[in-house]
């Protein structure tokens, strides 16, 4: 396994030739808030990742408060339906049992054959049908138990290894990769189990492929991403490091062939990049020509930053300091832009915002206020961007205190989905 370290060296030289290798700019249009989508059911207090699927032209929102994945029509921006039957918020102290073993759904992805995969609570990966023409539309097709044997495999009287979290899909080999952060059971007699990923066959009965890939000494694992043109197809996985174990935040490059293995890791030097000792890293998005944006190096009062680098050369194109990096990040090929959600750091508002970054020049373009919004996804055909607006129990109890972006459209005390887009487009 190879290990490489990022460096700011060579960035200036790269910037001199960058305009000739890439389009001079992305779409020049500013982005504005177009409207919001109201979501029926319980108020959105617990939620996680969003995903836009170009095949079905729908946004998929993991809505733990409503025990499922919400589906938003991307063309007309309305709530379409929900895949239910998932674990839900799972409140209470984590102890590894079915009631307190991490919430779900968490990560989500939709395959080309209109099958939804979601990381769920209780170390389960849930598979569901999202093909409107299918007789099993919105039904769960299977649930795969990915619990490591050290957690007793989640058997009766045993324990699970926490929630299955974020997920990615390899269409070439028809393999899903799911991340699990380790056991929730504080009294596990086996001691802590390292965070791990599991490879699962994309065909029923959805068998686990090969041994799980463990990341000992780390503090968790975050977002896997399929990179189809990178070395013939690889998963890129963000892995938070550990100060105590002197492990930096890394991007693991995983070959799914023959059960998968880590063939290289990319180490981020947060001290050099942002002047922090942070080992954090969360979201990752792949732009053109192997440009990747990661959200990393957040610590204390310093929020994680969007960092753009080249997966092949490790040249750092930019460290964006105008907006925080948030959790999930997204690349939209429709306008050649990266989107993040985080605190506005320009000194203008200081509010939670949707950050817009040019994918061609790696420069920050603008922040659009998006109070309580998070985890953007985008529809390339219309360049509409969707964020999940999550509130809290106090706001539900007293909707007059709602400060979220939903209130601009008369929605209070429930949360919503915010829709952004070019400022010359009507909602």
Protein backbone atom coordinates (compact mmCIF):
# COMPACT_ATOMS: atom_id res chain seq x y z
CA UNK A 1 0.00 0.00 0.00
CA UNK A 2 1.32 3.43 -0.92
CA UNK A 3 1.02 6.54 1.22
CA UNK A 4 1.24 10.03 -0.27
CA UNK A 5 1.13 13.40 1.45
CA UNK A 6 -0.52 16.52 0.11
CA UNK A 7 1.56 19.62 -0.35
CA UNK A 8 1.02 23.22 -1.37
CA UNK A 9 4.23 23.05 -3.41
CA UNK A 10 3.57 23.33 -7.12
CA UNK A 11 0.23 25.04 -6.71
CA UNK A 12 1.40 28.30 -8.29
CA UNK A 13 2.90 26.54 -11.28
CA UNK A 14 -0.30 24.59 -11.75
CA UNK A 15 -2.38 27.75 -11.64
CA UNK A 16 -0.44 29.12 -14.59
CA UNK A 17 -1.46 26.25 -16.86
CA UNK A 18 -4.84 25.44 -15.35
CA UNK A 19 -6.94 27.64 -17.69
CA UNK A 20 -5.59 25.74 -20.69
CA UNK A 21 -6.47 22.35 -19.24
CA UNK A 22 -9.98 23.25 -18.08
CA UNK A 23 -12.84 25.48 -19.16
CA UNK A 24 -12.08 29.12 -18.32
CA UNK A 25 -15.06 29.35 -16.01
CA UNK A 26 -18.22 27.64 -14.93
CA UNK A 27 -21.67 29.08 -15.65
CA UNK A 28 -21.52 32.79 -14.82
CA UNK A 29 -24.99 32.96 -13.29
CA UNK A 30 -25.40 33.74 -9.61
CA UNK A 31 -27.38 31.36 -7.43
CA UNK A 32 -30.42 32.39 -5.39
CA UNK A 33 -33.06 30.76 -3.21
CA UNK A 34 -35.95 29.75 -5.49
CA UNK A 35 -38.32 28.15 -3.01
CA UNK A 36 -38.82 25.29 -0.59
CA UNK A 37 -40.53 21.90 -0.65
CA UNK A 38 -42.78 20.98 2.28
CA UNK A 39 -42.31 17.42 3.56
CA UNK A 40 -45.33 15.67 5.14
CA UNK A 41 -45.19 13.64 8.32
CA UNK A 42 -43.08 14.27 11.40
CA UNK A 43 -40.99 17.45 11.62
CA UNK A 44 -37.46 16.91 10.31
CA UNK A 45 -35.40 16.78 13.49
CA UNK A 46 -33.09 13.90 12.56
CA UNK A 47 -31.74 13.49 9.02
CA UNK A 48 -28.52 12.94 7.14
CA UNK A 49 -27.45 12.67 3.48
CA UNK A 50 -29.09 13.76 0.21
CA UNK A 51 -28.57 12.32 -3.26
CA UNK A 52 -29.77 13.36 -6.71
CA UNK A 53 -30.23 10.60 -9.26
CA UNK A 54 -30.10 11.77 -12.88
CA UNK A 55 -31.76 8.56 -14.13
CA UNK A 56 -34.97 9.02 -12.15
CA UNK A 57 -34.60 12.85 -12.00
CA UNK A 58 -35.36 12.81 -8.29
CA UNK A 59 -33.70 13.93 -5.07
CA UNK A 60 -33.52 11.36 -2.26
CA UNK A 61 -33.40 12.65 1.32
CA UNK A 62 -32.59 10.43 4.31
CA UNK A 63 -35.29 11.43 6.80
CA UNK A 64 -34.76 9.57 10.06
CA UNK A 65 -37.59 11.48 11.72
CA UNK A 66 -39.95 9.76 9.28
CA UNK A 67 -38.19 6.37 9.30
CA UNK A 68 -37.29 6.45 5.62
CA UNK A 69 -36.04 8.20 2.50
CA UNK A 70 -38.08 11.08 1.09
CA UNK A 71 -38.32 11.43 -2.69
CA UNK A 72 -38.52 14.88 -4.29
CA UNK A 73 -39.46 15.38 -7.94
CA UNK A 74 -36.51 17.24 -9.43
CA UNK A 75 -38.34 18.64 -12.41
CA UNK A 76 -41.27 20.21 -10.56
CA UNK A 77 -39.89 20.44 -7.01
CA UNK A 78 -42.57 18.65 -5.01
CA UNK A 79 -42.70 15.78 -2.50
CA UNK A 80 -43.38 12.56 -4.40
CA UNK A 81 -43.28 9.76 -1.85
CA UNK A 82 -41.23 7.93 0.76
CA UNK A 83 -39.48 4.60 1.20
CA UNK A 84 -40.46 3.70 4.77
CA UNK A 85 -39.70 0.90 7.19
CA UNK A 86 -36.21 1.96 8.29
CA UNK A 87 -34.80 2.21 11.82
CA UNK A 88 -35.55 5.89 12.44
CA UNK A 89 -34.02 8.23 15.03
CA UNK A 90 -33.13 5.51 17.62
CA UNK A 91 -32.87 7.92 20.58
CA UNK A 92 -31.12 7.17 23.83
CA UNK A 93 -27.68 6.12 24.96
CA UNK A 94 -25.93 3.83 22.48
CA UNK A 95 -25.59 0.30 23.85
CA UNK A 96 -25.50 -1.85 20.73
CA UNK A 97 -29.05 -3.17 21.09
CA UNK A 98 -31.75 -2.76 18.47
CA UNK A 99 -33.31 0.18 20.31
CA UNK A 100 -30.08 2.14 20.81
CA UNK A 101 -27.67 1.22 18.05
CA UNK A 102 -27.52 4.26 15.85
CA UNK A 103 -30.22 5.87 13.73
CA UNK A 104 -31.07 5.36 10.10
CA UNK A 105 -31.28 5.95 7.24
CA UNK A 106 -27.96 7.75 6.83
CA UNK A 107 -26.16 7.57 3.49
CA UNK A 108 -28.10 6.97 0.29
CA UNK A 109 -27.43 6.23 -3.38
CA UNK A 110 -29.61 5.11 -6.32
CA UNK A 111 -28.32 2.72 -8.99
CA UNK A 112 -28.93 2.81 -12.72
CA UNK A 113 -31.57 0.08 -12.41
CA UNK A 114 -33.58 2.30 -10.01
CA UNK A 115 -32.68 0.52 -6.82
CA UNK A 116 -32.05 2.57 -3.68
CA UNK A 117 -29.34 1.65 -1.18
CA UNK A 118 -29.29 3.25 2.26
CA UNK A 119 -27.09 2.89 5.31
CA UNK A 120 -29.48 2.12 8.16
CA UNK A 121 -29.33 1.67 11.94
CA UNK A 122 -28.46 -1.65 13.59
CA UNK A 123 -25.58 -2.23 11.16
CA UNK A 124 -28.06 -2.77 8.34
CA UNK A 125 -27.87 -1.73 4.71
CA UNK A 126 -31.40 -1.38 3.31
CA UNK A 127 -32.19 -1.97 -0.38
CA UNK A 128 -35.46 -0.70 -1.89
CA UNK A 129 -37.23 -0.40 -5.24
CA UNK A 130 -37.64 3.17 -6.54
CA UNK A 131 -38.79 2.29 -10.06
CA UNK A 132 -42.30 3.82 -10.46
CA UNK A 133 -43.17 1.23 -13.11
CA UNK A 134 -42.36 -1.69 -10.80
CA UNK A 135 -45.02 -3.62 -8.82
CA UNK A 136 -42.74 -3.37 -5.77
CA UNK A 137 -42.27 0.41 -6.01
CA UNK A 138 -41.22 1.95 -2.66
CA UNK A 139 -40.91 -1.49 -1.06
CA UNK A 140 -37.83 -2.81 0.74
CA UNK A 141 -36.14 -5.58 -1.26
CA UNK A 142 -33.62 -6.65 1.34
CA UNK A 143 -31.63 -5.71 4.44
CA UNK A 144 -28.03 -6.80 4.80
CA UNK A 145 -26.50 -7.21 8.28
CA UNK A 146 -22.92 -5.90 8.04
CA UNK A 147 -22.12 -6.29 11.74
CA UNK A 148 -18.56 -7.48 12.35
CA UNK A 149 -18.20 -10.83 14.16
CA UNK A 150 -16.55 -8.98 17.05
CA UNK A 151 -19.96 -7.41 17.71
CA UNK A 152 -21.66 -10.83 17.86
CA UNK A 153 -23.17 -10.27 14.40
CA UNK A 154 -26.22 -8.58 15.87
CA UNK A 155 -27.68 -11.93 16.87
CA UNK A 156 -30.37 -12.21 19.54
CA UNK A 157 -28.79 -11.21 22.84
CA UNK A 158 -25.74 -9.90 21.01
CA UNK A 159 -24.79 -6.54 19.62
CA UNK A 160 -24.52 -4.67 16.36
CA UNK A 161 -21.55 -2.50 15.34
CA UNK A 162 -23.42 0.80 15.21
CA UNK A 163 -25.16 2.34 12.23
CA UNK A 164 -24.27 1.69 8.62
CA UNK A 165 -23.48 5.19 7.44
CA UNK A 166 -22.51 6.55 4.04
CA UNK A 167 -22.52 4.53 0.85
CA UNK A 168 -21.26 4.49 -2.74
CA UNK A 169 -22.09 2.43 -5.84
CA UNK A 170 -19.72 0.90 -8.40
CA UNK A 171 -21.82 0.32 -11.55
CA UNK A 172 -18.97 -1.40 -13.39
CA UNK A 173 -18.69 -4.28 -10.95
CA UNK A 174 -22.17 -3.83 -9.43
CA UNK A 175 -20.82 -3.42 -5.91
CA UNK A 176 -21.95 -1.21 -3.06
CA UNK A 177 -19.52 0.01 -0.41
CA UNK A 178 -20.96 0.88 2.99
CA UNK A 179 -19.12 2.51 5.89
CA UNK A 180 -19.65 1.43 9.52
CA UNK A 181 -18.07 3.40 12.35
CA UNK A 182 -17.71 0.59 14.87
CA UNK A 183 -19.64 -0.75 17.86
CA UNK A 184 -22.10 1.32 19.83
CA UNK A 185 -21.99 -1.05 22.81
CA UNK A 186 -20.03 0.67 25.57
CA UNK A 187 -19.84 -2.65 27.47
CA UNK A 188 -18.65 -4.76 24.51
CA UNK A 189 -16.47 -7.50 26.09
CA UNK A 190 -14.36 -7.68 22.93
CA UNK A 191 -13.26 -4.07 23.23
CA UNK A 192 -13.50 -1.49 20.46
CA UNK A 193 -13.81 -2.69 16.88
CA UNK A 194 -12.05 -0.59 14.26
CA UNK A 195 -14.22 1.34 11.80
CA UNK A 196 -14.67 -0.66 8.62
CA UNK A 197 -16.25 -0.79 5.18
CA UNK A 198 -18.16 -3.67 3.63
CA UNK A 199 -18.48 -4.53 -0.05
CA UNK A 200 -21.88 -5.93 -1.03
CA UNK A 201 -23.02 -7.53 -4.28
CA UNK A 202 -25.53 -5.39 -6.16
CA UNK A 203 -27.58 -8.44 -7.12
CA UNK A 204 -30.03 -10.30 -4.86
CA UNK A 205 -29.55 -11.84 -2.35
CA UNK A 206 -26.98 -9.03 -1.84
CA UNK A 207 -24.12 -11.14 -0.50
CA UNK A 208 -21.18 -9.62 1.38
CA UNK A 209 -18.07 -9.84 -0.79
CA UNK A 210 -14.81 -10.79 0.88
CA UNK A 211 -13.53 -9.67 4.27
CA UNK A 212 -14.37 -6.25 5.63
CA UNK A 213 -11.70 -3.55 5.32
CA UNK A 214 -10.76 -2.23 8.76
CA UNK A 215 -9.16 1.10 9.65
CA UNK A 216 -7.59 0.59 13.09
CA UNK A 217 -6.60 3.58 15.18
CA UNK A 218 -8.88 6.01 13.34
CA UNK A 219 -11.83 7.86 14.84
CA UNK A 220 -14.37 6.80 12.22
CA UNK A 221 -14.96 6.71 8.50
CA UNK A 222 -17.03 9.07 6.43
CA UNK A 223 -17.97 9.28 2.76
CA UNK A 224 -17.09 6.74 0.08
CA UNK A 225 -17.18 7.93 -3.54
CA UNK A 226 -16.99 5.97 -6.79
CA UNK A 227 -14.44 7.42 -9.25
CA UNK A 228 -15.10 5.62 -12.57
CA UNK A 229 -12.16 7.07 -14.51
CA UNK A 230 -9.55 6.86 -11.78
CA UNK A 231 -7.20 3.91 -12.40
CA UNK A 232 -9.94 1.97 -14.14
CA UNK A 233 -12.41 2.58 -11.33
CA UNK A 234 -11.76 3.04 -7.62
CA UNK A 235 -13.60 3.96 -4.44
CA UNK A 236 -12.26 7.05 -2.68
CA UNK A 237 -13.02 6.99 1.05
CA UNK A 238 -12.56 9.82 3.55
CA UNK A 239 -11.10 8.55 6.83
CA UNK A 240 -10.78 10.88 9.86
CA UNK A 241 -7.49 10.47 11.69
CA UNK A 242 -6.59 10.51 15.37
CA UNK A 243 -4.49 12.96 17.35
CA UNK A 244 -3.86 10.34 20.03
CA UNK A 245 -2.63 7.80 17.48
CA UNK A 246 -0.80 10.35 15.29
CA UNK A 247 -2.90 9.45 12.26
CA UNK A 248 -3.70 12.27 9.80
CA UNK A 249 -6.98 12.57 7.91
CA UNK A 250 -6.72 10.52 4.77
CA UNK A 251 -8.39 9.59 1.51
CA UNK A 252 -8.17 5.82 1.06
CA UNK A 253 -8.09 4.55 -2.53
CA UNK A 254 -9.82 1.17 -2.66
CA UNK A 255 -9.85 -1.31 -5.53
CA UNK A 256 -13.18 -3.21 -5.50
CA UNK A 257 -11.72 -6.14 -7.50
CA UNK A 258 -11.26 -9.45 -5.68
CA UNK A 259 -13.00 -8.30 -2.51
CA UNK A 260 -11.28 -4.93 -2.35
CA UNK A 261 -8.08 -3.64 -0.82
CA UNK A 262 -6.53 -0.27 -0.03
CA UNK A 263 -3.86 0.31 -2.66
CA UNK A 264 -2.94 3.83 -1.56
CA UNK A 265 -3.78 6.53 0.98
CA UNK A 266 -3.61 10.29 0.49
CA UNK A 267 -2.67 12.09 3.71
CA UNK A 268 -3.83 15.66 4.37
CA UNK A 269 -1.50 17.97 6.30
CA UNK A 270 -3.97 20.21 8.14
CA UNK A 271 -1.16 22.16 9.78
CA UNK A 272 0.19 23.21 6.41
CA UNK A 273 -3.19 23.67 4.77
CA UNK A 274 -5.06 25.55 7.52
CA UNK A 275 -2.74 25.88 10.48
CA UNK A 276 -4.74 23.41 12.60
CA UNK A 277 -3.85 20.13 14.26
CA UNK A 278 -7.20 18.74 13.18
CA UNK A 279 -7.61 15.18 11.95
CA UNK A 280 -11.15 15.73 10.65
CA UNK A 281 -12.38 14.94 7.15
CA UNK A 282 -15.97 14.37 6.01
CA UNK A 283 -17.44 14.91 2.53
CA UNK A 284 -15.82 14.28 -0.85
CA UNK A 285 -16.94 15.15 -4.38
CA UNK A 286 -15.34 14.38 -7.74
CA UNK A 287 -15.20 17.07 -10.43
CA UNK A 288 -13.65 16.90 -13.87
CA UNK A 289 -10.09 15.73 -14.59
CA UNK A 290 -9.79 13.97 -11.20
CA UNK A 291 -10.29 17.20 -9.26
CA UNK A 292 -11.68 16.32 -5.85
CA UNK A 293 -13.11 18.56 -3.16
CA UNK A 294 -12.95 17.37 0.43
CA UNK A 295 -14.27 19.00 3.58
CA UNK A 296 -11.51 18.71 6.15
CA UNK A 297 -9.29 20.14 8.88
CA UNK A 298 -11.98 21.60 11.13
CA UNK A 299 -11.14 22.08 14.79
CA UNK A 300 -12.71 24.14 17.55
CA UNK A 301 -13.66 27.59 16.29
CA UNK A 302 -12.15 26.78 12.86
CA UNK A 303 -14.80 25.08 10.70
CA UNK A 304 -13.82 22.45 8.19
CA UNK A 305 -12.73 23.96 4.89
CA UNK A 306 -13.40 22.95 1.30
CA UNK A 307 -10.02 21.78 -0.05
CA UNK A 308 -9.64 21.12 -3.77
CA UNK A 309 -6.82 18.90 -5.01
CA UNK A 310 -5.90 16.57 -7.84
CA UNK A 311 -6.19 12.90 -6.96
CA UNK A 312 -3.38 11.99 -9.37
CA UNK A 313 -0.79 14.68 -8.68
CA UNK A 314 -1.91 15.82 -5.19
CA UNK A 315 -1.39 19.43 -6.24
CA UNK A 316 -3.63 21.59 -4.06
CA UNK A 317 -5.65 23.96 -6.21
CA UNK A 318 -7.36 25.87 -3.43
CA UNK A 319 -8.21 26.02 0.25
CA UNK A 320 -11.52 27.88 0.37
CA UNK A 321 -11.75 30.15 3.42
CA UNK A 322 -14.99 32.03 2.65
CA UNK A 323 -17.33 29.22 3.78
CA UNK A 324 -17.19 26.15 5.98
CA UNK A 325 -17.12 22.73 4.36
CA UNK A 326 -19.97 21.03 6.19
CA UNK A 327 -20.64 17.30 5.96
CA UNK A 328 -21.71 16.16 2.49
CA UNK A 329 -20.37 18.09 -0.53
CA UNK A 330 -21.53 17.88 -4.16
CA UNK A 331 -20.23 18.46 -7.69
CA UNK A 332 -22.75 19.51 -10.35
CA UNK A 333 -21.55 18.85 -13.92
CA UNK A 334 -24.43 20.94 -15.24
CA UNK A 335 -22.77 24.21 -14.20
CA UNK A 336 -19.29 22.87 -13.33
CA UNK A 337 -19.56 23.93 -9.71
CA UNK A 338 -18.96 22.41 -6.31
CA UNK A 339 -21.55 23.06 -3.60
CA UNK A 340 -21.01 22.96 0.17
CA UNK A 341 -22.98 24.09 3.23
CA UNK A 342 -21.33 25.81 6.16
CA UNK A 343 -20.90 29.04 8.04
CA UNK A 344 -20.47 32.21 5.99
CA UNK A 345 -16.90 33.25 6.80
CA UNK A 346 -16.77 36.38 4.65
CA UNK A 347 -17.78 38.59 7.56
CA UNK A 348 -21.04 39.44 5.83
CA UNK A 349 -23.60 37.40 7.76
CA UNK A 350 -21.91 34.62 9.73
CA UNK A 351 -24.98 32.50 8.97
CA UNK A 352 -25.26 28.97 7.66
CA UNK A 353 -24.99 29.26 3.89
CA UNK A 354 -24.82 27.41 0.62
CA UNK A 355 -21.29 27.93 -0.71
CA UNK A 356 -20.72 27.99 -4.49
CA UNK A 357 -17.25 27.12 -5.85
CA UNK A 358 -16.12 27.28 -9.49
CA UNK A 359 -15.11 23.80 -10.65
CA UNK A 360 -12.86 25.15 -13.40
CA UNK A 361 -10.81 27.69 -11.48
CA UNK A 362 -11.27 26.28 -7.96
CA UNK A 363 -12.33 29.71 -6.73
CA UNK A 364 -15.13 30.61 -4.35
CA UNK A 365 -17.99 32.42 -6.12
CA UNK A 366 -20.65 33.25 -3.53
CA UNK A 367 -22.51 32.31 -0.36
CA UNK A 368 -26.29 32.16 -0.28
CA UNK A 369 -27.90 32.27 3.17
CA UNK A 370 -29.42 28.88 4.06
CA UNK A 371 -30.14 28.92 7.79
CA UNK A 372 -30.30 25.32 9.11
CA UNK A 373 -29.69 23.94 5.61
CA UNK A 374 -27.18 21.16 5.06
CA UNK A 375 -25.90 18.49 2.66
CA UNK A 376 -26.48 19.83 -0.88
CA UNK A 377 -27.28 17.81 -3.97
CA UNK A 378 -27.97 19.09 -7.50
CA UNK A 379 -29.92 18.32 -10.68
CA UNK A 380 -27.54 18.89 -13.58
CA UNK A 381 -30.29 19.41 -16.14
CA UNK A 382 -31.79 22.45 -14.39
CA UNK A 383 -28.87 23.36 -12.09
CA UNK A 384 -31.26 23.33 -9.17
CA UNK A 385 -29.56 22.65 -5.83
CA UNK A 386 -31.43 20.99 -2.97
CA UNK A 387 -30.48 21.27 0.71
CA UNK A 388 -32.03 19.55 3.69
CA UNK A 389 -33.30 22.02 6.29
CA UNK A 390 -33.34 20.38 9.71
CA UNK A 391 -34.81 21.99 12.84
CA UNK A 392 -34.80 20.92 16.50
CA UNK A 393 -37.29 19.92 19.18
CA UNK A 394 -37.37 23.40 20.69
CA UNK A 395 -38.54 24.87 17.38
CA UNK A 396 -41.19 22.17 17.04
CA UNK A 397 -42.45 23.05 20.52
CA UNK A 398 -42.52 26.77 19.68
CA UNK A 399 -42.65 27.40 15.92
CA UNK A 400 -42.46 31.15 16.52
CA UNK A 401 -38.74 30.65 17.25
CA UNK A 402 -38.12 29.06 13.84
CA UNK A 403 -35.22 30.89 12.16
CA UNK A 404 -34.76 28.46 9.29
CA UNK A 405 -34.90 29.34 5.61
CA UNK A 406 -38.28 27.54 5.45
CA UNK A 407 -39.97 30.49 7.16
CA UNK A 408 -39.41 32.72 4.13
CA UNK A 409 -42.17 30.68 2.48
CA UNK A 410 -44.52 30.41 5.46
CA UNK A 411 -43.35 27.01 6.72
CA UNK A 412 -42.66 26.93 10.46
CA UNK A 413 -41.87 24.18 12.94
CA UNK A 414 -41.45 21.34 10.44
CA UNK A 415 -38.26 21.78 8.41
CA UNK A 416 -38.28 21.54 4.62
CA UNK A 417 -36.17 21.07 1.49
CA UNK A 418 -34.69 24.32 0.14
CA UNK A 419 -34.29 24.74 -3.62
CA UNK A 420 -31.64 27.05 -5.09
CA UNK A 421 -30.81 27.81 -8.70
CA UNK A 422 -29.64 30.39 -11.25
CA UNK A 423 -31.12 33.80 -10.56
CA UNK A 424 -32.71 34.02 -14.02
CA UNK A 425 -34.78 30.86 -13.41
CA UNK A 426 -38.25 30.99 -11.93
CA UNK A 427 -39.07 28.51 -9.09
